[in-house]
Protein backbone atom coordinates (compact mmCIF):
# COMPACT_ATOMS: atom_id res chain seq x y z
CA MET A 1 -33.64 23.15 -21.98
CA ALA A 2 -32.33 22.44 -25.47
CA THR A 3 -33.16 19.08 -27.03
CA TYR A 4 -30.37 16.59 -26.42
CA THR A 5 -29.27 14.15 -29.09
CA GLU A 6 -27.53 11.17 -27.56
CA PRO A 7 -24.16 10.48 -29.24
CA SER A 8 -23.56 7.16 -30.89
CA ALA A 9 -22.06 4.56 -28.57
CA PRO A 10 -18.27 4.84 -28.43
CA ARG A 11 -16.44 2.15 -30.29
CA HIS A 12 -14.24 -0.40 -28.60
CA MET A 13 -10.74 0.97 -27.99
CA THR A 14 -7.76 -1.09 -29.00
CA ALA A 15 -4.81 -1.43 -26.67
CA ASP A 16 -2.76 0.69 -29.09
CA ALA A 17 -5.32 3.50 -29.14
CA PHE A 18 -5.49 3.44 -25.35
CA ARG A 19 -1.69 3.61 -25.10
CA LYS A 20 -1.62 6.65 -27.38
CA LEU A 21 -4.31 8.35 -25.28
CA TYR A 22 -2.41 7.49 -22.10
CA GLU A 23 0.80 9.04 -23.45
CA GLU A 24 -1.07 12.12 -24.67
CA LEU A 25 -2.61 12.76 -21.26
CA ARG A 26 0.55 11.88 -19.34
CA ASP A 27 2.71 14.19 -21.44
CA GLY A 28 0.15 16.98 -21.16
CA ALA A 29 0.19 16.71 -17.37
CA ARG A 30 3.97 16.74 -16.95
CA ARG A 31 5.03 18.09 -13.57
CA SER A 32 8.28 18.25 -11.64
CA PRO A 33 9.94 14.88 -10.91
CA ASP A 34 9.31 15.27 -7.18
CA ASP A 35 5.58 16.05 -7.54
CA ARG A 36 3.45 13.83 -5.31
CA ARG A 37 0.12 15.69 -5.25
CA GLY A 38 -0.71 15.55 -8.94
CA ALA A 39 -3.61 17.64 -10.14
CA LEU A 40 -4.25 18.88 -6.60
CA GLY A 41 -1.56 21.41 -7.45
CA GLN A 42 -4.31 23.22 -9.38
CA LEU A 43 -6.12 23.79 -6.08
CA THR A 44 -4.21 26.90 -5.08
CA PRO A 45 -5.10 28.87 -1.94
CA GLU A 46 -6.60 31.51 -4.22
CA ARG A 47 -8.92 28.95 -5.82
CA VAL A 48 -9.90 27.53 -2.45
CA LEU A 49 -10.74 31.03 -1.27
CA ALA A 50 -12.73 31.70 -4.45
CA ALA A 51 -14.65 28.45 -3.89
CA THR A 52 -16.01 29.81 -0.61
CA THR A 53 -17.98 32.40 -2.62
CA GLU A 54 -20.06 29.50 -3.97
CA VAL A 55 -21.85 29.33 -0.62
CA ARG A 56 -25.19 31.12 -0.90
CA SER A 57 -27.66 29.39 1.42
CA GLY A 58 -25.37 27.52 3.83
CA HIS A 59 -27.29 24.29 3.08
CA THR A 60 -25.08 21.21 3.45
CA VAL A 61 -25.49 17.88 1.65
CA SER A 62 -23.61 14.62 2.22
CA LEU A 63 -22.26 12.97 -0.92
CA ALA A 64 -21.61 9.60 0.73
CA ALA A 65 -23.80 6.54 0.89
CA PRO A 66 -24.30 4.83 4.26
CA ILE A 67 -21.59 2.21 4.81
CA GLU A 68 -23.08 -1.24 4.36
CA THR A 69 -22.53 -4.13 6.75
CA LEU A 70 -24.62 -6.80 4.99
CA PRO A 71 -23.32 -8.80 2.00
CA GLY A 72 -24.83 -8.32 -1.43
CA PRO A 73 -24.04 -9.05 -5.09
CA ASP A 74 -21.93 -5.89 -5.31
CA ASN A 75 -20.54 -6.16 -1.79
CA PRO A 76 -19.45 -9.73 -0.94
CA GLU A 77 -17.07 -8.45 1.75
CA PRO A 78 -19.10 -5.81 3.59
CA ALA A 79 -17.77 -3.62 6.35
CA ASP A 80 -17.62 -5.25 9.76
CA HIS A 81 -19.16 -3.16 12.52
CA ARG A 82 -19.52 -4.68 15.96
CA MET A 83 -20.18 -3.39 19.44
CA THR A 84 -17.43 -3.98 21.98
CA GLY A 85 -19.09 -2.31 24.94
CA PRO A 86 -20.79 -1.97 27.27
CA ALA A 87 -20.54 -5.52 28.52
CA ALA A 88 -23.82 -7.34 29.04
CA GLY A 89 -23.58 -6.99 32.81
CA GLU A 90 -23.03 -3.24 32.56
CA ILE A 91 -26.21 -2.44 30.63
CA GLY A 92 -28.60 -0.65 32.97
CA ALA A 93 -26.11 -0.80 35.87
CA ASP A 94 -25.37 2.20 38.07
CA GLY A 95 -22.27 4.28 37.47
CA LEU A 96 -20.38 5.28 34.32
CA HIS A 97 -20.09 2.97 31.32
CA PHE A 98 -19.27 3.55 27.64
CA ALA A 99 -20.80 2.34 24.42
CA LEU A 100 -17.89 1.13 22.27
CA ASP A 101 -17.57 -0.28 18.79
CA ARG A 102 -15.07 -1.53 16.23
CA PHE A 103 -15.05 -1.05 12.46
CA ALA A 104 -13.17 -2.69 9.56
CA MET A 105 -13.76 -2.52 5.81
CA ASN A 106 -12.47 -3.24 2.34
CA VAL A 107 -11.90 0.36 1.22
CA HIS A 108 -11.85 -0.26 -2.54
CA GLY A 109 -15.08 -2.22 -2.91
CA ASP A 110 -18.06 -1.68 -5.20
CA ALA A 111 -20.54 -0.35 -2.65
CA ASP A 112 -19.04 2.09 -0.15
CA SER A 113 -18.03 5.68 -0.89
CA HIS A 114 -14.25 6.10 -0.88
CA LEU A 115 -11.30 8.19 -2.03
CA ASP A 116 -8.41 6.64 -3.97
CA ALA A 117 -4.91 7.82 -3.17
CA LEU A 118 -2.53 8.11 -6.14
CA CYS A 119 -0.62 5.01 -4.99
CA HIS A 120 -3.74 2.91 -5.68
CA VAL A 121 -3.02 2.41 -9.40
CA VAL A 122 0.03 0.44 -10.53
CA PHE A 123 0.62 0.47 -14.30
CA ASP A 124 3.66 -0.86 -16.13
CA GLY A 125 5.45 -1.36 -12.83
CA GLU A 126 5.11 2.25 -11.75
CA LEU A 127 2.86 4.60 -9.82
CA TYR A 128 2.02 8.16 -10.84
CA ASN A 129 4.95 10.29 -12.05
CA GLY A 130 7.35 7.35 -12.36
CA VAL A 131 7.38 6.43 -8.67
CA PRO A 132 8.46 2.76 -8.43
CA ALA A 133 5.67 0.35 -7.55
CA SER A 134 8.08 -1.21 -5.05
CA THR A 135 7.35 1.73 -2.71
CA VAL A 136 4.07 -0.09 -1.93
CA THR A 137 4.75 -2.99 0.44
CA GLN A 138 2.84 -5.17 2.88
CA ASP A 139 3.50 -2.45 5.45
CA GLY A 140 1.76 0.22 3.39
CA ALA A 141 2.52 2.82 0.74
CA GLY A 142 5.78 4.69 1.11
CA SER A 143 4.86 7.36 -1.46
CA LEU A 144 1.74 8.94 -3.00
CA SER A 145 -0.30 7.65 -0.07
CA LEU A 146 -3.31 9.09 1.70
CA ASP A 147 -0.90 11.23 3.68
CA GLU A 148 -0.70 13.58 0.68
CA VAL A 149 -4.30 14.66 1.37
CA ARG A 150 -4.04 14.77 5.16
CA ASP A 151 -5.11 18.44 5.13
CA GLY A 152 -8.24 17.59 3.17
CA ILE A 153 -9.42 18.65 -0.26
CA VAL A 154 -11.48 21.84 -0.39
CA GLY A 155 -12.57 23.52 -3.60
CA ARG A 156 -15.32 24.30 -6.04
CA GLY A 157 -17.47 21.29 -6.78
CA VAL A 158 -19.43 20.98 -10.01
CA LEU A 159 -22.11 18.32 -10.55
CA LEU A 160 -22.84 17.26 -14.13
CA ASP A 161 -26.03 15.19 -14.22
CA ILE A 162 -25.95 12.94 -17.28
CA PRO A 163 -29.31 11.17 -16.74
CA ARG A 164 -30.94 14.62 -16.46
CA LEU A 165 -29.30 15.56 -19.74
CA ARG A 166 -30.57 12.44 -21.48
CA GLY A 167 -34.02 12.56 -19.90
CA VAL A 168 -33.72 9.21 -18.11
CA PRO A 169 -33.60 8.28 -14.40
CA TRP A 170 -30.21 6.58 -14.75
CA LEU A 171 -27.76 5.20 -17.28
CA GLU A 172 -27.94 1.46 -17.78
CA PRO A 173 -24.91 -0.68 -16.86
CA GLY A 174 -22.42 -0.74 -19.70
CA ASP A 175 -23.34 2.73 -20.97
CA HIS A 176 -20.57 5.30 -21.43
CA VAL A 177 -20.41 9.00 -20.60
CA THR A 178 -18.56 10.80 -23.38
CA ALA A 179 -16.75 14.13 -23.50
CA GLY A 180 -19.69 15.32 -25.59
CA ASP A 181 -22.05 14.39 -22.76
CA LEU A 182 -20.01 16.42 -20.30
CA THR A 183 -19.95 19.46 -22.57
CA ALA A 184 -23.67 19.18 -23.32
CA ALA A 185 -24.45 18.87 -19.60
CA GLU A 186 -22.52 22.08 -18.93
CA VAL A 187 -24.64 23.91 -21.49
CA ALA A 188 -27.91 22.41 -20.23
CA GLN A 189 -27.10 23.25 -16.61
CA GLY A 190 -25.56 26.68 -17.24
CA VAL A 191 -22.24 25.87 -15.60
CA ARG A 192 -18.64 25.50 -16.75
CA VAL A 193 -15.95 23.30 -15.23
CA GLY A 194 -12.67 25.10 -14.60
CA PRO A 195 -9.12 24.68 -13.27
CA GLY A 196 -8.89 23.10 -9.83
CA ASP A 197 -12.54 22.03 -9.76
CA LEU A 198 -13.84 18.86 -8.16
CA LEU A 199 -15.86 17.39 -11.02
CA LEU A 200 -18.73 15.14 -9.93
CA VAL A 201 -20.44 13.10 -12.64
CA ARG A 202 -23.82 11.52 -11.92
CA VAL A 203 -24.70 8.39 -13.90
CA GLY A 204 -27.57 7.41 -11.59
CA HIS A 205 -25.91 4.25 -10.22
CA ARG A 206 -27.25 4.88 -6.71
CA GLY A 207 -30.75 5.67 -7.90
CA ARG A 208 -30.88 2.50 -9.99
CA ARG A 209 -29.55 0.44 -7.08
CA ARG A 210 -32.17 1.90 -4.75
CA GLU A 211 -35.05 1.26 -7.15
CA LEU A 212 -34.06 -2.12 -8.62
CA GLY A 213 -31.76 -3.54 -5.94
CA PRO A 214 -28.02 -4.22 -5.99
CA TRP A 215 -26.36 -6.19 -8.78
CA ASP A 216 -22.82 -7.37 -9.55
CA ALA A 217 -21.37 -3.96 -10.36
CA ALA A 218 -17.93 -5.48 -10.94
CA ARG A 219 -19.32 -7.01 -14.14
CA ALA A 220 -21.74 -4.34 -15.33
CA ARG A 221 -21.87 -0.61 -14.54
CA SER A 222 -22.05 2.73 -16.31
CA GLY A 223 -19.13 5.11 -16.24
CA LEU A 224 -16.94 7.43 -18.28
CA HIS A 225 -15.49 6.48 -21.64
CA PRO A 226 -11.67 6.72 -21.61
CA THR A 227 -11.71 9.52 -24.21
CA ALA A 228 -13.77 11.65 -21.79
CA MET A 229 -10.53 12.16 -19.88
CA ARG A 230 -9.55 14.72 -22.49
CA PHE A 231 -12.32 16.92 -21.11
CA LEU A 232 -10.77 16.73 -17.62
CA ALA A 233 -7.32 17.50 -19.02
CA GLU A 234 -8.53 20.52 -20.98
CA ARG A 235 -10.38 21.92 -17.96
CA GLN A 236 -7.51 21.10 -15.54
CA VAL A 237 -9.76 19.28 -13.09
CA SER A 238 -8.23 18.35 -9.71
CA VAL A 239 -10.59 15.58 -8.54
CA LEU A 240 -13.10 13.30 -10.28
CA GLY A 241 -15.96 11.80 -8.32
CA GLY A 242 -18.74 9.51 -9.48
CA ASP A 243 -21.75 7.69 -8.06
CA GLY A 244 -20.37 4.53 -9.64
CA ASN A 245 -16.80 3.38 -10.10
CA ASN A 246 -16.06 6.10 -12.72
CA ASP A 247 -15.03 3.22 -15.02
CA THR A 248 -17.57 1.44 -17.20
CA ALA A 249 -17.92 -2.34 -17.10
CA PRO A 250 -17.36 -4.16 -19.33
CA SER A 251 -14.37 -2.02 -20.20
CA ALA A 252 -14.12 -0.33 -23.59
CA VAL A 253 -10.43 -1.26 -23.75
CA GLU A 254 -9.10 -4.73 -24.33
CA ASP A 255 -6.97 -6.08 -21.47
CA ILE A 256 -7.41 -2.89 -19.36
CA ALA A 257 -10.26 -3.35 -16.89
CA PHE A 258 -10.09 0.16 -15.40
CA PRO A 259 -8.89 2.55 -18.11
CA VAL A 260 -10.33 5.68 -16.47
CA HIS A 261 -8.46 4.87 -13.25
CA VAL A 262 -5.24 4.47 -15.22
CA LEU A 263 -5.70 7.65 -17.22
CA ALA A 264 -6.99 9.85 -14.40
CA MET A 265 -4.70 8.75 -11.59
CA HIS A 266 -1.61 7.31 -13.25
CA ALA A 267 -1.32 9.59 -16.28
CA MET A 268 -2.88 12.82 -14.98
CA GLY A 269 -2.52 12.64 -11.19
CA VAL A 270 -6.25 13.19 -10.62
CA HIS A 271 -7.57 11.75 -7.36
CA LEU A 272 -10.75 9.71 -7.70
CA MET A 273 -13.77 9.30 -5.47
CA ASP A 274 -15.84 6.20 -6.24
CA TYR A 275 -19.40 5.19 -5.32
CA LEU A 276 -20.53 8.54 -4.00
CA GLN A 277 -24.23 9.33 -3.99
CA PHE A 278 -25.88 12.35 -5.56
CA GLU A 279 -29.53 11.53 -5.03
CA GLU A 280 -29.90 14.39 -2.52
CA LEU A 281 -27.42 16.76 -4.17
CA ALA A 282 -29.01 16.73 -7.65
CA PRO A 283 -32.48 17.90 -6.52
CA ALA A 284 -30.88 20.43 -4.16
CA CYS A 285 -28.95 21.91 -7.10
CA GLU A 286 -32.11 21.85 -9.22
CA ARG A 287 -34.02 23.78 -6.57
CA ALA A 288 -31.21 26.28 -6.17
CA GLY A 289 -30.86 26.71 -9.93
CA ARG A 290 -27.10 26.26 -9.74
CA TRP A 291 -24.78 23.29 -10.07
CA SER A 292 -21.61 24.54 -8.40
CA PHE A 293 -20.88 24.70 -4.67
CA LEU A 294 -18.15 24.54 -2.06
CA CYS A 295 -17.03 20.93 -1.62
CA VAL A 296 -15.15 19.69 1.45
CA VAL A 297 -13.47 16.27 1.43
CA ALA A 298 -11.87 15.06 4.68
CA PRO A 299 -10.35 11.55 4.43
CA LEU A 300 -9.12 9.68 7.48
CA ARG A 301 -5.56 10.21 8.71
CA LEU A 302 -4.17 6.86 7.54
CA PRO A 303 -0.66 7.91 6.44
CA ALA A 304 0.39 4.77 4.53
CA ALA A 305 -3.03 3.83 3.13
CA THR A 306 -4.07 3.57 -0.52
CA GLY A 307 -7.50 5.05 0.13
CA SER A 308 -10.10 5.98 2.71
CA PRO A 309 -13.83 5.88 3.30
CA VAL A 310 -15.01 9.41 2.77
CA ASN A 311 -18.03 11.62 3.36
CA PRO A 312 -17.68 14.67 1.10
CA ILE A 313 -19.90 17.60 1.98
CA ALA A 314 -21.38 20.02 -0.54
CA VAL A 315 -22.15 23.48 0.85
CA LEU A 316 -24.61 25.35 -1.33
């Protein structure tokens, strides 16, 4: 592998510079006024079919972390899982009885793996493609909701492993992934991201959490620098997934806490998957000597929801 020289830390972005980048990416992603699927339009049936040729061994790997039910510094409102059956008197009794349970969660937290629908990001009073924010009410999202991905997302997944590139186990909270990192990782791994791909970027968030314990990820986490979104635009990526939030904290942009969410989803129409886990996928790719695979994402059928817990599957 070629020697990697880490780029200098990106400078703080002013609100004006961010606005110019936003307009650049939005204008470059212009689609018809009635478009509601965004960059998923790049995932044509032909590209889905081509993605199936990525399967070589038939080995499957989950890209989701186990859903957590205990509170922690990054998960103050954990998922609630409780058993509702069988009743105490039915345990061990003769006849037929059922084990039953109930589940509730905060979908957009900082611990559990989830998919963001395009209605998740409201910016300047609008959703993606000029859809009024008023379409989201207490009853749910009337447009750009999870219903747009009810048939799932299936395509070619590509994992770019930034800690591997830099020769470290993980990126420290606050560190940024640049467009240069993404390009250098392609070269180091012998892979190239292309139109319609599901781009997965490992920063090592899960590995650090496992080794050092959870921390307040809302205040400090590694992620992509806003200017890295130009890489996604140039390669016409359909989905971005990360093992963190995709956004760095603290933010590089003044007064915009989640610039990558705004640029990816609101400007470009790219669906996001947050807090995935790649600690099994990365070594599997290393062993296979290839970093692309068939990726299958099947969110829940929650028609008016802004997101869903998700368990993407890589098929190598």
